[in-house]
Protein backbone atom coordinates (compact mmCIF):
# COMPACT_ATOMS: atom_id res chain seq x y z
CA UNK A 1 63.12 86.78 -83.14
CA UNK A 2 66.70 87.24 -81.98
CA UNK A 3 67.74 84.90 -79.22
CA UNK A 4 71.01 84.26 -77.40
CA UNK A 5 71.30 81.07 -75.37
CA UNK A 6 74.24 80.34 -73.06
CA UNK A 7 75.35 76.91 -71.96
CA UNK A 8 78.31 75.26 -70.29
CA UNK A 9 78.16 76.66 -66.79
CA UNK A 10 78.49 74.53 -63.70
CA UNK A 11 80.40 73.80 -60.53
CA UNK A 12 84.17 73.38 -60.72
CA UNK A 13 87.02 73.34 -58.26
CA UNK A 14 89.57 76.12 -58.18
CA UNK A 15 92.16 75.58 -60.88
CA UNK A 16 89.69 73.82 -63.13
CA UNK A 17 88.28 74.77 -66.51
CA UNK A 18 84.93 75.38 -68.14
CA UNK A 19 83.88 76.39 -71.63
CA UNK A 20 80.83 78.54 -72.05
CA UNK A 21 78.94 78.69 -75.32
CA UNK A 22 76.49 81.25 -76.63
CA UNK A 23 74.32 80.24 -79.54
CA UNK A 24 72.62 83.03 -81.43
CA UNK A 25 69.58 82.72 -83.64
CA UNK A 26 67.24 84.96 -85.55
CA UNK A 27 69.81 86.70 -87.75
CA UNK A 28 73.41 86.29 -88.91
CA UNK A 29 75.85 87.61 -86.34
CA UNK A 30 79.04 87.55 -88.38
CA UNK A 31 79.17 91.37 -88.51
CA UNK A 32 78.47 91.85 -84.82
CA UNK A 33 80.88 92.32 -81.97
CA UNK A 34 80.19 89.78 -79.24
CA UNK A 35 80.99 89.88 -75.55
CA UNK A 36 80.81 88.14 -72.21
CA UNK A 37 79.84 89.85 -68.97
CA UNK A 38 79.40 88.42 -65.49
CA UNK A 39 77.51 89.33 -62.37
CA UNK A 40 78.45 88.10 -58.93
CA UNK A 41 75.94 88.20 -56.05
CA UNK A 42 75.49 91.74 -54.79
CA UNK A 43 77.65 93.24 -57.52
CA UNK A 44 77.13 95.05 -60.77
CA UNK A 45 77.32 93.24 -64.07
CA UNK A 46 80.88 93.61 -65.31
CA UNK A 47 82.67 93.25 -68.61
CA UNK A 48 84.78 90.12 -69.10
CA UNK A 49 85.80 89.89 -72.76
CA UNK A 50 84.89 91.03 -76.26
CA UNK A 51 85.60 89.72 -79.74
CA UNK A 52 85.15 91.92 -82.76
CA UNK A 53 83.48 90.80 -85.96
CA UNK A 54 87.01 90.33 -87.37
CA UNK A 55 88.26 88.31 -84.42
CA UNK A 56 90.18 90.91 -82.43
CA UNK A 57 89.87 90.28 -78.71
CA UNK A 58 90.11 92.25 -75.49
CA UNK A 59 89.83 91.19 -71.84
CA UNK A 60 89.37 92.66 -68.45
CA UNK A 61 92.63 92.54 -66.50
CA UNK A 62 91.50 89.96 -63.97
CA UNK A 63 91.01 87.24 -66.61
CA UNK A 64 93.90 87.96 -68.96
CA UNK A 65 95.96 84.85 -69.58
CA UNK A 66 93.24 82.59 -68.18
CA UNK A 67 90.18 83.17 -70.36
CA UNK A 68 89.92 83.02 -74.13
CA UNK A 69 87.01 84.33 -76.18
CA UNK A 70 86.42 82.93 -79.65
CA UNK A 71 83.70 82.70 -82.25
CA UNK A 72 82.44 80.43 -84.99
CA UNK A 73 80.47 82.54 -87.43
CA UNK A 74 79.33 79.53 -89.40
CA UNK A 75 77.55 78.27 -86.29
CA UNK A 76 76.47 81.73 -85.04
CA UNK A 77 78.13 80.77 -81.78
CA UNK A 78 80.81 82.25 -79.57
CA UNK A 79 82.69 80.80 -76.68
CA UNK A 80 84.50 81.62 -73.48
CA UNK A 81 87.18 79.14 -72.49
CA UNK A 82 87.95 79.62 -68.81
CA UNK A 83 91.07 78.05 -67.35
CA UNK A 84 92.72 78.30 -63.94
CA UNK A 85 89.41 79.28 -62.44
CA UNK A 86 89.35 81.04 -59.08
CA UNK A 87 86.57 81.36 -56.49
CA UNK A 88 86.30 85.04 -57.38
CA UNK A 89 85.23 84.02 -60.89
CA UNK A 90 81.97 82.74 -59.41
CA UNK A 91 79.12 84.59 -61.09
CA UNK A 92 76.32 84.37 -63.58
CA UNK A 93 77.88 84.75 -67.02
CA UNK A 94 75.99 86.50 -69.79
CA UNK A 95 76.71 86.70 -73.48
CA UNK A 96 75.91 89.92 -75.30
CA UNK A 97 75.91 91.12 -78.87
CA UNK A 98 75.51 94.28 -80.87
CA UNK A 99 77.62 96.63 -78.79
CA UNK A 100 80.66 98.64 -79.73
CA UNK A 101 84.05 96.97 -79.50
CA UNK A 102 85.48 99.44 -76.99
CA UNK A 103 82.46 99.61 -74.72
CA UNK A 104 82.67 97.79 -71.39
CA UNK A 105 79.37 99.28 -70.21
CA UNK A 106 76.45 96.89 -70.22
CA UNK A 107 74.05 99.64 -71.31
CA UNK A 108 75.81 99.79 -74.68
CA UNK A 109 75.02 96.14 -75.47
CA UNK A 110 71.45 95.67 -76.72
CA UNK A 111 71.20 91.88 -77.03
CA UNK A 112 71.57 89.49 -74.07
CA UNK A 113 71.30 85.86 -73.18
CA UNK A 114 69.61 84.60 -70.04
CA UNK A 115 72.84 83.79 -68.21
CA UNK A 116 74.57 80.65 -67.00
CA UNK A 117 75.86 80.06 -63.48
CA UNK A 118 79.54 79.40 -62.90
CA UNK A 119 80.54 78.38 -59.39
CA UNK A 120 84.17 77.85 -58.43
CA UNK A 121 84.79 76.12 -55.13
CA UNK A 122 87.95 76.62 -53.11
């Protein structure tokens, strides 16, 4: 059974940092593109970042220069390092796998974790 489990969320002050992890199990994920999405209260789930199976990355404009997505295929785990956090980054963050590299639409990503809450206080 394929399972994605996020960890690393929490409460942080504006300007602080957090690192989210997503551990995958059930199959090797080295050939999969992996992504992070987030959903703020009352808003749609939105794309944050993607990393291809070969390590090429892409970000939504609002997090460029602050967030870094990475992966460790040996551990079947990928990460989202979040620096210079802002209150508007507050959301539930979800990891996703199996989508296409250029898709920012959540419907194109078949595998999801349960989400981890990130709260940034001002």
